[in-house]
Amino acid sequence: MIGAYQKTVSALLDRRGAGNVDLAPEIAGVPEHNRGFGHVKEPHQHKARAQLARLLKEWLRIVRGM
C-alpha cells in the first residue's frame, strides 16, 4: 500500500494546477482514515478505497478539462 500511495502522490505533484490544487491534499490524506488492525481496519480500508476512487475520478475530470 505504501508503493501505491507514493505513486499517487507523485502523480498528483506531476499534474497539479490551479484547478485541482485544493483536491491534492484531500487525496493525499485518504490513508489517514485507515485505523485499527484486522477486522477493525477492514471496513476503514473499504471506505478509504471508495473515497479515493471518487476523488481520483474528480481529479481526472479536472485534469482532462485543463
N, C-alpha and C. Protein backbone atom coordinates (compact mmCIF):
# COMPACT_ATOMS: atom_id res chain seq x y z
N MET A 1 0.81 -1.19 0.00
CA MET A 1 0.00 0.00 0.00
C MET A 1 0.86 1.26 0.00
N ILE A 2 2.04 1.16 0.57
CA ILE A 2 2.93 2.33 0.60
C ILE A 2 3.35 2.71 -0.81
N GLY A 3 3.68 1.71 -1.62
CA GLY A 3 4.09 1.97 -3.00
C GLY A 3 2.98 2.63 -3.80
N ALA A 4 1.76 2.18 -3.62
CA ALA A 4 0.61 2.78 -4.32
C ALA A 4 0.41 4.22 -3.87
N TYR A 5 0.59 4.48 -2.59
CA TYR A 5 0.46 5.83 -2.06
C TYR A 5 1.53 6.75 -2.68
N GLN A 6 2.76 6.25 -2.74
CA GLN A 6 3.85 7.05 -3.32
C GLN A 6 3.58 7.37 -4.79
N LYS A 7 3.07 6.40 -5.53
CA LYS A 7 2.74 6.63 -6.94
C LYS A 7 1.63 7.67 -7.08
N THR A 8 0.63 7.57 -6.22
CA THR A 8 -0.48 8.52 -6.28
C THR A 8 -0.01 9.93 -5.99
N VAL A 9 0.77 10.11 -4.94
CA VAL A 9 1.27 11.44 -4.58
C VAL A 9 2.18 11.98 -5.68
N SER A 10 3.01 11.14 -6.26
CA SER A 10 3.88 11.56 -7.35
C SER A 10 3.05 12.04 -8.55
N ALA A 11 2.00 11.31 -8.87
CA ALA A 11 1.12 11.70 -9.97
C ALA A 11 0.41 13.02 -9.67
N LEU A 12 0.02 13.20 -8.42
CA LEU A 12 -0.62 14.46 -8.03
C LEU A 12 0.33 15.63 -8.24
N LEU A 13 1.56 15.46 -7.83
CA LEU A 13 2.55 16.53 -7.97
C LEU A 13 2.86 16.83 -9.43
N ASP A 14 2.91 15.78 -10.24
CA ASP A 14 3.22 15.96 -11.66
C ASP A 14 2.12 16.68 -12.43
N ARG A 15 0.87 16.54 -11.99
CA ARG A 15 -0.26 17.07 -12.75
C ARG A 15 -1.06 18.11 -11.98
N ARG A 16 -0.41 18.79 -11.05
CA ARG A 16 -1.14 19.79 -10.28
C ARG A 16 -1.30 21.06 -11.09
N GLY A 17 -2.34 21.78 -10.80
CA GLY A 17 -2.61 23.02 -11.47
C GLY A 17 -3.60 23.83 -10.66
N ALA A 18 -3.93 24.99 -11.15
CA ALA A 18 -4.82 25.90 -10.42
C ALA A 18 -6.18 25.27 -10.17
N GLY A 19 -6.66 24.44 -11.08
CA GLY A 19 -7.98 23.85 -10.95
C GLY A 19 -8.07 22.69 -9.99
N ASN A 20 -6.94 22.09 -9.65
CA ASN A 20 -7.00 20.89 -8.80
C ASN A 20 -6.12 20.95 -7.57
N VAL A 21 -5.51 22.08 -7.32
CA VAL A 21 -4.57 22.19 -6.19
C VAL A 21 -5.26 21.94 -4.85
N ASP A 22 -6.52 22.28 -4.70
CA ASP A 22 -7.23 22.05 -3.45
C ASP A 22 -7.59 20.59 -3.23
N LEU A 23 -7.70 19.84 -4.31
CA LEU A 23 -8.08 18.43 -4.22
C LEU A 23 -6.90 17.53 -3.84
N ALA A 24 -5.68 17.95 -4.17
CA ALA A 24 -4.49 17.14 -3.92
C ALA A 24 -4.31 16.76 -2.44
N PRO A 25 -4.40 17.70 -1.50
CA PRO A 25 -4.23 17.31 -0.09
C PRO A 25 -5.33 16.37 0.40
N GLU A 26 -6.53 16.53 -0.15
CA GLU A 26 -7.63 15.64 0.24
C GLU A 26 -7.33 14.21 -0.22
N ILE A 27 -6.82 14.07 -1.44
CA ILE A 27 -6.46 12.75 -1.95
C ILE A 27 -5.30 12.16 -1.15
N ALA A 28 -4.28 12.97 -0.92
CA ALA A 28 -3.11 12.50 -0.19
C ALA A 28 -3.46 12.12 1.25
N GLY A 29 -4.52 12.68 1.81
CA GLY A 29 -4.89 12.41 3.18
C GLY A 29 -5.78 11.20 3.38
N VAL A 30 -6.23 10.58 2.31
CA VAL A 30 -7.13 9.42 2.44
C VAL A 30 -6.55 8.31 3.33
N PRO A 31 -5.28 7.95 3.22
CA PRO A 31 -4.75 6.87 4.07
C PRO A 31 -4.84 7.14 5.58
N GLU A 32 -4.99 8.39 5.97
CA GLU A 32 -5.11 8.71 7.39
C GLU A 32 -6.35 8.08 8.02
N HIS A 33 -7.31 7.69 7.20
CA HIS A 33 -8.56 7.12 7.69
C HIS A 33 -8.47 5.61 7.93
N ASN A 34 -7.34 5.01 7.58
CA ASN A 34 -7.14 3.57 7.83
C ASN A 34 -6.71 3.39 9.28
N ARG A 35 -7.65 2.99 10.10
CA ARG A 35 -7.40 2.84 11.54
C ARG A 35 -7.62 1.39 11.97
N GLY A 36 -6.93 1.01 13.02
CA GLY A 36 -7.15 -0.29 13.63
C GLY A 36 -6.33 -1.40 13.00
N PHE A 37 -6.64 -2.62 13.43
CA PHE A 37 -5.97 -3.82 12.96
C PHE A 37 -7.01 -4.88 12.64
N GLY A 38 -6.68 -5.76 11.72
CA GLY A 38 -7.53 -6.91 11.41
C GLY A 38 -8.94 -6.53 11.04
N HIS A 39 -9.90 -7.15 11.74
CA HIS A 39 -11.31 -6.95 11.40
C HIS A 39 -11.78 -5.51 11.66
N VAL A 40 -11.08 -4.77 12.52
CA VAL A 40 -11.43 -3.37 12.77
C VAL A 40 -10.99 -2.50 11.61
N LYS A 41 -9.84 -2.81 11.04
CA LYS A 41 -9.28 -2.00 9.97
C LYS A 41 -10.00 -2.22 8.63
N GLU A 42 -10.49 -3.41 8.41
CA GLU A 42 -11.08 -3.77 7.12
C GLU A 42 -12.17 -2.81 6.63
N PRO A 43 -13.16 -2.45 7.44
CA PRO A 43 -14.18 -1.52 6.95
C PRO A 43 -13.61 -0.15 6.64
N HIS A 44 -12.60 0.27 7.39
CA HIS A 44 -11.97 1.56 7.12
C HIS A 44 -11.26 1.54 5.77
N GLN A 45 -10.63 0.42 5.45
CA GLN A 45 -9.94 0.29 4.16
C GLN A 45 -10.92 0.34 3.00
N HIS A 46 -12.06 -0.33 3.15
CA HIS A 46 -13.07 -0.30 2.08
C HIS A 46 -13.59 1.12 1.87
N LYS A 47 -13.83 1.81 2.96
CA LYS A 47 -14.33 3.18 2.89
C LYS A 47 -13.28 4.09 2.25
N ALA A 48 -12.02 3.91 2.64
CA ALA A 48 -10.93 4.73 2.10
C ALA A 48 -10.75 4.48 0.60
N ARG A 49 -10.85 3.23 0.18
CA ARG A 49 -10.72 2.92 -1.25
C ARG A 49 -11.83 3.57 -2.06
N ALA A 50 -13.04 3.54 -1.54
CA ALA A 50 -14.18 4.16 -2.22
C ALA A 50 -14.00 5.68 -2.30
N GLN A 51 -13.54 6.27 -1.21
CA GLN A 51 -13.30 7.71 -1.20
C GLN A 51 -12.19 8.08 -2.18
N LEU A 52 -11.12 7.29 -2.19
CA LEU A 52 -10.01 7.55 -3.10
C LEU A 52 -10.47 7.45 -4.55
N ALA A 53 -11.25 6.43 -4.87
CA ALA A 53 -11.76 6.28 -6.24
C ALA A 53 -12.59 7.48 -6.65
N ARG A 54 -13.44 7.95 -5.75
CA ARG A 54 -14.29 9.12 -6.04
C ARG A 54 -13.44 10.37 -6.26
N LEU A 55 -12.46 10.59 -5.39
CA LEU A 55 -11.60 11.77 -5.50
C LEU A 55 -10.72 11.72 -6.75
N LEU A 56 -10.19 10.54 -7.08
CA LEU A 56 -9.36 10.43 -8.28
C LEU A 56 -10.19 10.63 -9.55
N LYS A 57 -11.43 10.19 -9.52
CA LYS A 57 -12.32 10.42 -10.66
C LYS A 57 -12.52 11.93 -10.87
N GLU A 58 -12.72 12.64 -9.78
CA GLU A 58 -12.87 14.10 -9.85
C GLU A 58 -11.57 14.75 -10.32
N TRP A 59 -10.44 14.26 -9.82
CA TRP A 59 -9.12 14.76 -10.22
C TRP A 59 -8.94 14.63 -11.73
N LEU A 60 -9.23 13.45 -12.24
CA LEU A 60 -9.08 13.21 -13.68
C LEU A 60 -10.02 14.08 -14.50
N ARG A 61 -11.22 14.30 -14.01
CA ARG A 61 -12.16 15.17 -14.71
C ARG A 61 -11.59 16.58 -14.82
N ILE A 62 -11.00 17.06 -13.75
CA ILE A 62 -10.41 18.40 -13.75
C ILE A 62 -9.20 18.46 -14.65
N VAL A 63 -8.30 17.47 -14.54
CA VAL A 63 -7.06 17.45 -15.33
C VAL A 63 -7.38 17.40 -16.83
N ARG A 64 -8.34 16.60 -17.20
CA ARG A 64 -8.70 16.49 -18.63
C ARG A 64 -9.32 17.76 -19.16
N GLY A 65 -9.94 18.55 -18.27
CA GLY A 65 -10.56 19.80 -18.69
C GLY A 65 -9.60 20.97 -18.74
N MET A 66 -8.37 20.76 -18.26
CA MET A 66 -7.39 21.86 -18.22
C MET A 66 -6.82 22.16 -19.58
